[in-house]
Amino acid sequence: MQEILNAIYDSTRRAALAIVWDGGEHCVCELMERLDVSQSRMSRHMKVLREAGLVIDRQDAQWVRYRQNPNIPAEIAAVISAVLLAENSLKQEMA
């Protein structure tokens, strides 16, 4: 659990996780553009999420594509969903 909490502590990783949590597959180039971060920084963040077991990846030509790990236990998926929902709600309140 500690590794998962450490992985979602960073705001860039939470933002990337929110994107891939939609059930689709997203390439690093899309994540970089949407989050306005460099390729090396995005790759480091995604490595942390992958090592925590939250996302899986696959190579597609020169890009790596990420998606939600379908084997995440339901309890962990619920925690992640709750964190992402709470963060989104806070952002809307502050706007």
PDB file of N, CA and C in Angstrom:
ATOM      1  N   MET A   1       0.826  -1.192   0.000  1.00  0.00           N
ATOM      2  CA  MET A   1       0.000   0.000   0.000  1.00  0.00           C
ATOM      3  C   MET A   1       0.869   1.255   0.000  1.00  0.00           C
ATOM      4  N   GLN A   2       1.983   1.214   0.720  1.00  0.00           N
ATOM      5  CA  GLN A   2       2.851   2.390   0.795  1.00  0.00           C
ATOM      6  C   GLN A   2       3.364   2.791  -0.588  1.00  0.00           C
ATOM      7  N   GLU A   3       3.739   1.811  -1.402  1.00  0.00           N
ATOM      8  CA  GLU A   3       4.233   2.112  -2.744  1.00  0.00           C
ATOM      9  C   GLU A   3       3.150   2.785  -3.593  1.00  0.00           C
ATOM     10  N   ILE A   4       1.917   2.347  -3.441  1.00  0.00           N
ATOM     11  CA  ILE A   4       0.806   2.942  -4.185  1.00  0.00           C
ATOM     12  C   ILE A   4       0.564   4.372  -3.718  1.00  0.00           C
ATOM     13  N   LEU A   5       0.557   4.588  -2.404  1.00  0.00           N
ATOM     14  CA  LEU A   5       0.355   5.934  -1.887  1.00  0.00           C
ATOM     15  C   LEU A   5       1.490   6.865  -2.290  1.00  0.00           C
ATOM     16  N   ASN A   6       2.704   6.370  -2.288  1.00  0.00           N
ATOM     17  CA  ASN A   6       3.836   7.178  -2.756  1.00  0.00           C
ATOM     18  C   ASN A   6       3.685   7.512  -4.238  1.00  0.00           C
ATOM     19  N   ALA A   7       3.206   6.556  -5.011  1.00  0.00           N
ATOM     20  CA  ALA A   7       3.053   6.773  -6.450  1.00  0.00           C
ATOM     21  C   ALA A   7       2.021   7.844  -6.759  1.00  0.00           C
ATOM     22  N   ILE A   8       0.935   7.901  -5.993  1.00  0.00           N
ATOM     23  CA  ILE A   8      -0.109   8.882  -6.290  1.00  0.00           C
ATOM     24  C   ILE A   8       0.073  10.190  -5.521  1.00  0.00           C
ATOM     25  N   TYR A   9       1.129  10.292  -4.733  1.00  0.00           N
ATOM     26  CA  TYR A   9       1.405  11.514  -3.988  1.00  0.00           C
ATOM     27  C   TYR A   9       1.698  12.683  -4.921  1.00  0.00           C
ATOM     28  N   ASP A  10       2.422  12.442  -5.996  1.00  0.00           N
ATOM     29  CA  ASP A  10       2.848  13.500  -6.911  1.00  0.00           C
ATOM     30  C   ASP A  10       1.687  13.957  -7.804  1.00  0.00           C
ATOM     31  N   SER A  11       1.503  15.264  -7.935  1.00  0.00           N
ATOM     32  CA  SER A  11       0.370  15.789  -8.704  1.00  0.00           C
ATOM     33  C   SER A  11       0.456  15.449 -10.191  1.00  0.00           C
ATOM     34  N   THR A  12       1.652  15.393 -10.752  1.00  0.00           N
ATOM     35  CA  THR A  12       1.784  15.026 -12.168  1.00  0.00           C
ATOM     36  C   THR A  12       1.391  13.569 -12.380  1.00  0.00           C
ATOM     37  N   ARG A  13       1.790  12.705 -11.457  1.00  0.00           N
ATOM     38  CA  ARG A  13       1.411  11.295 -11.582  1.00  0.00           C
ATOM     39  C   ARG A  13      -0.095  11.116 -11.417  1.00  0.00           C
ATOM     40  N   ARG A  14      -0.704  11.869 -10.501  1.00  0.00           N
ATOM     41  CA  ARG A  14      -2.170  11.786 -10.354  1.00  0.00           C
ATOM     42  C   ARG A  14      -2.856  12.266 -11.624  1.00  0.00           C
ATOM     43  N   ALA A  15      -2.344  13.321 -12.230  1.00  0.00           N
ATOM     44  CA  ALA A  15      -2.943  13.832 -13.468  1.00  0.00           C
ATOM     45  C   ALA A  15      -2.805  12.805 -14.587  1.00  0.00           C
ATOM     46  N   ALA A  16      -1.651  12.172 -14.687  1.00  0.00           N
ATOM     47  CA  ALA A  16      -1.454  11.134 -15.700  1.00  0.00           C
ATOM     48  C   ALA A  16      -2.354   9.939 -15.424  1.00  0.00           C
ATOM     49  N   LEU A  17      -2.475   9.575 -14.177  1.00  0.00           N
ATOM     50  CA  LEU A  17      -3.329   8.458 -13.792  1.00  0.00           C
ATOM     51  C   LEU A  17      -4.789   8.763 -14.123  1.00  0.00           C
ATOM     52  N   ALA A  18      -5.205  10.001 -13.903  1.00  0.00           N
ATOM     53  CA  ALA A  18      -6.575  10.394 -14.238  1.00  0.00           C
ATOM     54  C   ALA A  18      -6.847  10.217 -15.726  1.00  0.00           C
ATOM     55  N   ILE A  19      -5.848  10.488 -16.549  1.00  0.00           N
ATOM     56  CA  ILE A  19      -6.009  10.329 -17.997  1.00  0.00           C
ATOM     57  C   ILE A  19      -6.145   8.854 -18.357  1.00  0.00           C
ATOM     58  N   VAL A  20      -5.257   8.025 -17.842  1.00  0.00           N
ATOM     59  CA  VAL A  20      -5.298   6.605 -18.215  1.00  0.00           C
ATOM     60  C   VAL A  20      -6.410   5.852 -17.493  1.00  0.00           C
ATOM     61  N   TRP A  21      -6.976   6.450 -16.455  1.00  0.00           N
ATOM     62  CA  TRP A  21      -8.027   5.775 -15.685  1.00  0.00           C
ATOM     63  C   TRP A  21      -9.344   5.735 -16.454  1.00  0.00           C
ATOM     64  N   ASP A  22      -9.395   6.350 -17.635  1.00  0.00           N
ATOM     65  CA  ASP A  22     -10.626   6.371 -18.432  1.00  0.00           C
ATOM     66  C   ASP A  22     -10.888   5.047 -19.136  1.00  0.00           C
ATOM     67  N   GLY A  23      -9.972   4.106 -18.990  1.00  0.00           N
ATOM     68  CA  GLY A  23     -10.150   2.802 -19.611  1.00  0.00           C
ATOM     69  C   GLY A  23      -9.500   2.684 -20.973  1.00  0.00           C
ATOM     70  N   GLY A  24      -8.996   3.794 -21.493  1.00  0.00           N
ATOM     71  CA  GLY A  24      -8.344   3.775 -22.804  1.00  0.00           C
ATOM     72  C   GLY A  24      -6.848   3.565 -22.680  1.00  0.00           C
ATOM     73  N   GLU A  25      -6.212   3.606 -23.821  1.00  0.00           N
ATOM     74  CA  GLU A  25      -4.763   3.457 -23.899  1.00  0.00           C
ATOM     75  C   GLU A  25      -4.204   4.789 -24.393  1.00  0.00           C
ATOM     76  N   HIS A  26      -3.147   5.263 -23.743  1.00  0.00           N
ATOM     77  CA  HIS A  26      -2.621   6.589 -24.055  1.00  0.00           C
ATOM     78  C   HIS A  26      -1.109   6.530 -24.221  1.00  0.00           C
ATOM     79  N   CYS A  27      -0.629   7.158 -25.292  1.00  0.00           N
ATOM     80  CA  CYS A  27       0.813   7.162 -25.537  1.00  0.00           C
ATOM     81  C   CYS A  27       1.477   8.271 -24.730  1.00  0.00           C
ATOM     82  N   VAL A  28       2.761   8.108 -24.525  1.00  0.00           N
ATOM     83  CA  VAL A  28       3.537   9.084 -23.785  1.00  0.00           C
ATOM     84  C   VAL A  28       3.407  10.460 -24.438  1.00  0.00           C
ATOM     85  N   CYS A  29       3.377  10.504 -25.771  1.00  0.00           N
ATOM     86  CA  CYS A  29       3.283  11.792 -26.464  1.00  0.00           C
ATOM     87  C   CYS A  29       1.999  12.525 -26.074  1.00  0.00           C
ATOM     88  N   GLU A  30       0.899  11.820 -25.941  1.00  0.00           N
ATOM     89  CA  GLU A  30      -0.361  12.438 -25.526  1.00  0.00           C
ATOM     90  C   GLU A  30      -0.268  12.943 -24.092  1.00  0.00           C
ATOM     91  N   LEU A  31       0.277  12.122 -23.209  1.00  0.00           N
ATOM     92  CA  LEU A  31       0.417  12.522 -21.806  1.00  0.00           C
ATOM     93  C   LEU A  31       1.319  13.749 -21.688  1.00  0.00           C
ATOM     94  N   MET A  32       2.412  13.767 -22.446  1.00  0.00           N
ATOM     95  CA  MET A  32       3.326  14.907 -22.435  1.00  0.00           C
ATOM     96  C   MET A  32       2.598  16.181 -22.838  1.00  0.00           C
ATOM     97  N   GLU A  33       1.841  16.101 -23.908  1.00  0.00           N
ATOM     98  CA  GLU A  33       1.135  17.270 -24.420  1.00  0.00           C
ATOM     99  C   GLU A  33       0.068  17.755 -23.446  1.00  0.00           C
ATOM    100  N   ARG A  34      -0.727  16.839 -22.957  1.00  0.00           N
ATOM    101  CA  ARG A  34      -1.829  17.223 -22.065  1.00  0.00           C
ATOM    102  C   ARG A  34      -1.347  17.751 -20.717  1.00  0.00           C
ATOM    103  N   LEU A  35      -0.197  17.267 -20.261  1.00  0.00           N
ATOM    104  CA  LEU A  35       0.312  17.673 -18.955  1.00  0.00           C
ATOM    105  C   LEU A  35       1.455  18.673 -19.037  1.00  0.00           C
ATOM    106  N   ASP A  36       1.873  18.989 -20.268  1.00  0.00           N
ATOM    107  CA  ASP A  36       2.943  19.960 -20.504  1.00  0.00           C
ATOM    108  C   ASP A  36       4.222  19.602 -19.753  1.00  0.00           C
ATOM    109  N   VAL A  37       4.681  18.372 -19.957  1.00  0.00           N
ATOM    110  CA  VAL A  37       5.935  17.920 -19.354  1.00  0.00           C
ATOM    111  C   VAL A  37       6.819  17.303 -20.427  1.00  0.00           C
ATOM    112  N   SER A  38       8.108  17.245 -20.153  1.00  0.00           N
ATOM    113  CA  SER A  38       9.066  16.674 -21.099  1.00  0.00           C
ATOM    114  C   SER A  38       8.916  15.153 -21.180  1.00  0.00           C
ATOM    115  N   GLN A  39       9.465  14.591 -22.226  1.00  0.00           N
ATOM    116  CA  GLN A  39       9.394  13.144 -22.427  1.00  0.00           C
ATOM    117  C   GLN A  39      10.114  12.404 -21.301  1.00  0.00           C
ATOM    118  N   SER A  40      11.274  12.873 -20.913  1.00  0.00           N
ATOM    119  CA  SER A  40      12.019  12.167 -19.864  1.00  0.00           C
ATOM    120  C   SER A  40      11.286  12.236 -18.529  1.00  0.00           C
ATOM    121  N   ARG A  41      10.713  13.383 -18.219  1.00  0.00           N
ATOM    122  CA  ARG A  41       9.968  13.522 -16.965  1.00  0.00           C
ATOM    123  C   ARG A  41       8.725  12.642 -16.972  1.00  0.00           C
ATOM    124  N   MET A  42       8.011  12.635 -18.099  1.00  0.00           N
ATOM    125  CA  MET A  42       6.797  11.821 -18.202  1.00  0.00           C
ATOM    126  C   MET A  42       7.137  10.345 -18.068  1.00  0.00           C
ATOM    127  N   SER A  43       8.205   9.931 -18.718  1.00  0.00           N
ATOM    128  CA  SER A  43       8.622   8.527 -18.638  1.00  0.00           C
ATOM    129  C   SER A  43       8.980   8.128 -17.209  1.00  0.00           C
ATOM    130  N   ARG A  44       9.639   9.010 -16.483  1.00  0.00           N
ATOM    131  CA  ARG A  44       9.986   8.711 -15.077  1.00  0.00           C
ATOM    132  C   ARG A  44       8.723   8.561 -14.235  1.00  0.00           C
ATOM    133  N   HIS A  45       7.774   9.468 -14.439  1.00  0.00           N
ATOM    134  CA  HIS A  45       6.524   9.386 -13.678  1.00  0.00           C
ATOM    135  C   HIS A  45       5.759   8.105 -13.999  1.00  0.00           C
ATOM    136  N   MET A  46       5.715   7.753 -15.265  1.00  0.00           N
ATOM    137  CA  MET A  46       4.977   6.549 -15.655  1.00  0.00           C
ATOM    138  C   MET A  46       5.671   5.292 -15.140  1.00  0.00           C
ATOM    139  N   LYS A  47       6.982   5.337 -15.029  1.00  0.00           N
ATOM    140  CA  LYS A  47       7.717   4.202 -14.468  1.00  0.00           C
ATOM    141  C   LYS A  47       7.301   3.968 -13.021  1.00  0.00           C
ATOM    142  N   VAL A  48       7.143   5.048 -12.262  1.00  0.00           N
ATOM    143  CA  VAL A  48       6.717   4.925 -10.864  1.00  0.00           C
ATOM    144  C   VAL A  48       5.323   4.305 -10.791  1.00  0.00           C
ATOM    145  N   LEU A  49       4.412   4.781 -11.647  1.00  0.00           N
ATOM    146  CA  LEU A  49       3.052   4.232 -11.662  1.00  0.00           C
ATOM    147  C   LEU A  49       3.045   2.767 -12.083  1.00  0.00           C
ATOM    148  N   ARG A  50       3.906   2.419 -13.044  1.00  0.00           N
ATOM    149  CA  ARG A  50       4.004   1.028 -13.500  1.00  0.00           C
ATOM    150  C   ARG A  50       4.569   0.135 -12.408  1.00  0.00           C
ATOM    151  N   GLU A  51       5.623   0.593 -11.740  1.00  0.00           N
ATOM    152  CA  GLU A  51       6.238  -0.205 -10.676  1.00  0.00           C
ATOM    153  C   GLU A  51       5.299  -0.388  -9.479  1.00  0.00           C
ATOM    154  N   ALA A  52       4.375   0.563  -9.296  1.00  0.00           N
ATOM    155  CA  ALA A  52       3.384   0.432  -8.222  1.00  0.00           C
ATOM    156  C   ALA A  52       2.238  -0.484  -8.643  1.00  0.00           C
ATOM    157  N   GLY A  53       2.243  -0.913  -9.910  1.00  0.00           N
ATOM    158  CA  GLY A  53       1.226  -1.830 -10.398  1.00  0.00           C
ATOM    159  C   GLY A  53      -0.071  -1.161 -10.820  1.00  0.00           C
ATOM    160  N   LEU A  54      -0.057   0.169 -10.968  1.00  0.00           N
ATOM    161  CA  LEU A  54      -1.283   0.883 -11.311  1.00  0.00           C
ATOM    162  C   LEU A  54      -1.550   0.944 -12.806  1.00  0.00           C
ATOM    163  N   VAL A  55      -0.485   0.921 -13.602  1.00  0.00           N
ATOM    164  CA  VAL A  55      -0.632   0.948 -15.058  1.00  0.00           C
ATOM    165  C   VAL A  55       0.221  -0.153 -15.669  1.00  0.00           C
ATOM    166  N   ILE A  56      -0.124  -0.512 -16.881  1.00  0.00           N
ATOM    167  CA  ILE A  56       0.707  -1.420 -17.666  1.00  0.00           C
ATOM    168  C   ILE A  56       1.049  -0.700 -18.959  1.00  0.00           C
ATOM    169  N   ASP A  57       2.099  -1.169 -19.615  1.00  0.00           N
ATOM    170  CA  ASP A  57       2.533  -0.504 -20.837  1.00  0.00           C
ATOM    171  C   ASP A  57       2.771  -1.510 -21.943  1.00  0.00           C
ATOM    172  N   ARG A  58       2.827  -0.972 -23.156  1.00  0.00           N
ATOM    173  CA  ARG A  58       3.230  -1.777 -24.306  1.00  0.00           C
ATOM    174  C   ARG A  58       3.935  -0.866 -25.296  1.00  0.00           C
ATOM    175  N   GLN A  59       4.926  -1.427 -25.965  1.00  0.00           N
ATOM    176  CA  GLN A  59       5.687  -0.686 -26.964  1.00  0.00           C
ATOM    177  C   GLN A  59       4.895  -0.638 -28.263  1.00  0.00           C
ATOM    178  N   ASP A  60       4.814   0.548 -28.864  1.00  0.00           N
ATOM    179  CA  ASP A  60       4.131   0.752 -30.140  1.00  0.00           C
ATOM    180  C   ASP A  60       5.036   1.607 -31.009  1.00  0.00           C
ATOM    181  N   ALA A  61       5.828   0.936 -31.857  1.00  0.00           N
ATOM    182  CA  ALA A  61       6.848   1.622 -32.661  1.00  0.00           C
ATOM    183  C   ALA A  61       7.780   2.381 -31.708  1.00  0.00           C
ATOM    184  N   GLN A  62       7.901   3.720 -31.875  1.00  0.00           N
ATOM    185  CA  GLN A  62       8.818   4.469 -31.023  1.00  0.00           C
ATOM    186  C   GLN A  62       8.173   4.942 -29.721  1.00  0.00           C
ATOM    187  N   TRP A  63       6.865   4.739 -29.562  1.00  0.00           N
ATOM    188  CA  TRP A  63       6.162   5.221 -28.381  1.00  0.00           C
ATOM    189  C   TRP A  63       5.781   4.077 -27.447  1.00  0.00           C
ATOM    190  N   VAL A  64       5.598   4.433 -26.209  1.00  0.00           N
ATOM    191  CA  VAL A  64       5.076   3.496 -25.220  1.00  0.00           C
ATOM    192  C   VAL A  64       3.658   3.933 -24.898  1.00  0.00           C
ATOM    193  N   ARG A  65       2.752   2.988 -24.867  1.00  0.00           N
ATOM    194  CA  ARG A  65       1.347   3.273 -24.549  1.00  0.00           C
ATOM    195  C   ARG A  65       1.026   2.687 -23.181  1.00  0.00           C
ATOM    196  N   TYR A  66       0.257   3.451 -22.421  1.00  0.00           N
ATOM    197  CA  TYR A  66      -0.104   3.055 -21.062  1.00  0.00           C
ATOM    198  C   TYR A  66      -1.608   2.933 -20.929  1.00  0.00           C
ATOM    199  N   ARG A  67      -2.002   2.033 -20.033  1.00  0.00           N
ATOM    200  CA  ARG A  67      -3.411   1.913 -19.680  1.00  0.00           C
ATOM    201  C   ARG A  67      -3.499   1.403 -18.246  1.00  0.00           C
ATOM    202  N   GLN A  68      -4.696   1.521 -17.694  1.00  0.00           N
ATOM    203  CA  GLN A  68      -4.937   1.050 -16.330  1.00  0.00           C
ATOM    204  C   GLN A  68      -4.646  -0.443 -16.266  1.00  0.00           C
ATOM    205  N   ASN A  69      -4.007  -0.865 -15.213  1.00  0.00           N
ATOM    206  CA  ASN A  69      -3.738  -2.286 -15.017  1.00  0.00           C
ATOM    207  C   ASN A  69      -5.069  -2.991 -14.724  1.00  0.00           C
ATOM    208  N   PRO A  70      -5.491  -3.915 -15.594  1.00  0.00           N
ATOM    209  CA  PRO A  70      -6.776  -4.581 -15.371  1.00  0.00           C
ATOM    210  C   PRO A  70      -6.757  -5.553 -14.190  1.00  0.00           C
ATOM    211  N   ASN A  71      -5.579  -5.849 -13.664  1.00  0.00           N
ATOM    212  CA  ASN A  71      -5.460  -6.806 -12.561  1.00  0.00           C
ATOM    213  C   ASN A  71      -5.350  -6.148 -11.193  1.00  0.00           C
ATOM    214  N   ILE A  72      -5.624  -4.860 -11.115  1.00  0.00           N
ATOM    215  CA  ILE A  72      -5.598  -4.178  -9.820  1.00  0.00           C
ATOM    216  C   ILE A  72      -6.745  -4.723  -8.963  1.00  0.00           C
ATOM    217  N   PRO A  73      -6.466  -5.051  -7.720  1.00  0.00           N
ATOM    218  CA  PRO A  73      -7.561  -5.488  -6.842  1.00  0.00           C
ATOM    219  C   PRO A  73      -8.638  -4.393  -6.756  1.00  0.00           C
ATOM    220  N   ALA A  74      -9.875  -4.812  -6.656  1.00  0.00           N
ATOM    221  CA  ALA A  74     -11.004  -3.877  -6.637  1.00  0.00           C
ATOM    222  C   ALA A  74     -10.868  -2.834  -5.532  1.00  0.00           C
ATOM    223  N   GLU A  75     -10.345  -3.236  -4.386  1.00  0.00           N
ATOM    224  CA  GLU A  75     -10.194  -2.305  -3.271  1.00  0.00           C
ATOM    225  C   GLU A  75      -9.201  -1.192  -3.602  1.00  0.00           C
ATOM    226  N   ILE A  76      -8.123  -1.555  -4.263  1.00  0.00           N
ATOM    227  CA  ILE A  76      -7.111  -0.554  -4.654  1.00  0.00           C
ATOM    228  C   ILE A  76      -7.677   0.355  -5.737  1.00  0.00           C
ATOM    229  N   ALA A  77      -8.370  -0.221  -6.714  1.00  0.00           N
ATOM    230  CA  ALA A  77      -8.991   0.585  -7.769  1.00  0.00           C
ATOM    231  C   ALA A  77      -9.979   1.575  -7.166  1.00  0.00           C
ATOM    232  N   ALA A  78     -10.710   1.158  -6.142  1.00  0.00           N
ATOM    233  CA  ALA A  78     -11.669   2.046  -5.480  1.00  0.00           C
ATOM    234  C   ALA A  78     -10.954   3.204  -4.788  1.00  0.00           C
ATOM    235  N   VAL A  79      -9.827   2.935  -4.153  1.00  0.00           N
ATOM    236  CA  VAL A  79      -9.048   3.994  -3.505  1.00  0.00           C
ATOM    237  C   VAL A  79      -8.564   4.998  -4.549  1.00  0.00           C
ATOM    238  N   ILE A  80      -8.006   4.494  -5.647  1.00  0.00           N
ATOM    239  CA  ILE A  80      -7.499   5.379  -6.701  1.00  0.00           C
ATOM    240  C   ILE A  80      -8.639   6.213  -7.271  1.00  0.00           C
ATOM    241  N   SER A  81      -9.756   5.591  -7.564  1.00  0.00           N
ATOM    242  CA  SER A  81     -10.908   6.313  -8.108  1.00  0.00           C
ATOM    243  C   SER A  81     -11.382   7.392  -7.142  1.00  0.00           C
ATOM    244  N   ALA A  82     -11.414   7.073  -5.855  1.00  0.00           N
ATOM    245  CA  ALA A  82     -11.845   8.046  -4.845  1.00  0.00           C
ATOM    246  C   ALA A  82     -10.887   9.234  -4.769  1.00  0.00           C
ATOM    247  N   VAL A  83      -9.597   8.972  -4.823  1.00  0.00           N
ATOM    248  CA  VAL A  83      -8.600  10.054  -4.794  1.00  0.00           C
ATOM    249  C   VAL A  83      -8.761  10.947  -6.017  1.00  0.00           C
ATOM    250  N   LEU A  84      -8.906  10.335  -7.192  1.00  0.00           N
ATOM    251  CA  LEU A  84      -9.050  11.122  -8.420  1.00  0.00           C
ATOM    252  C   LEU A  84     -10.342  11.932  -8.412  1.00  0.00           C
ATOM    253  N   LEU A  85     -11.408  11.350  -7.918  1.00  0.00           N
ATOM    254  CA  LEU A  85     -12.689  12.059  -7.825  1.00  0.00           C
ATOM    255  C   LEU A  85     -12.600  13.230  -6.849  1.00  0.00           C
ATOM    256  N   ALA A  86     -11.988  13.004  -5.702  1.00  0.00           N
ATOM    257  CA  ALA A  86     -11.836  14.064  -4.704  1.00  0.00           C
ATOM    258  C   ALA A  86     -10.992  15.208  -5.251  1.00  0.00           C
ATOM    259  N   GLU A  87      -9.918  14.872  -5.939  1.00  0.00           N
ATOM    260  CA  GLU A  87      -9.066  15.921  -6.501  1.00  0.00           C
ATOM    261  C   GLU A  87      -9.821  16.725  -7.553  1.00  0.00           C
ATOM    262  N   ASN A  88     -10.579  16.045  -8.390  1.00  0.00           N
ATOM    263  CA  ASN A  88     -11.359  16.732  -9.412  1.00  0.00           C
ATOM    264  C   ASN A  88     -12.402  17.655  -8.771  1.00  0.00           C
ATOM    265  N   SER A  89     -13.039  17.189  -7.711  1.00  0.00           N
ATOM    266  CA  SER A  89     -14.035  18.002  -7.002  1.00  0.00           C
ATOM    267  C   SER A  89     -13.401  19.256  -6.404  1.00  0.00           C
ATOM    268  N   LEU A  90     -12.221  19.095  -5.822  1.00  0.00           N
ATOM    269  CA  LEU A  90     -11.516  20.243  -5.236  1.00  0.00           C
ATOM    270  C   LEU A  90     -11.142  21.267  -6.306  1.00  0.00           C
ATOM    271  N   LYS A  91     -10.690  20.781  -7.446  1.00  0.00           N
ATOM    272  CA  LYS A  91     -10.339  21.682  -8.550  1.00  0.00           C
ATOM    273  C   LYS A  91     -11.554  22.477  -9.004  1.00  0.00           C
ATOM    274  N   GLN A  92     -12.709  21.820  -9.088  1.00  0.00           N
ATOM    275  CA  GLN A  92     -13.921  22.495  -9.523  1.00  0.00           C
ATOM    276  C   GLN A  92     -14.376  23.531  -8.493  1.00  0.00           C
ATOM    277  N   GLU A  93     -14.219  23.238  -7.220  1.00  0.00           N
ATOM    278  CA  GLU A  93     -14.586  24.187  -6.174  1.00  0.00           C
ATOM    279  C   GLU A  93     -13.707  25.432  -6.212  1.00  0.00           C
ATOM    280  N   MET A  94     -12.442  25.239  -6.538  1.00  0.00           N
ATOM    281  CA  MET A  94     -11.484  26.346  -6.539  1.00  0.00           C
ATOM    282  C   MET A  94     -11.601  27.206  -7.792  1.00  0.00           C
ATOM    283  N   ALA A  95     -12.277  26.679  -8.811  1.00  0.00           N
ATOM    284  CA  ALA A  95     -12.393  27.421 -10.083  1.00  0.00           C
ATOM    285  C   ALA A  95     -13.481  28.471 -10.024  1.00  0.00           C
TER     286      ALA A  95
END
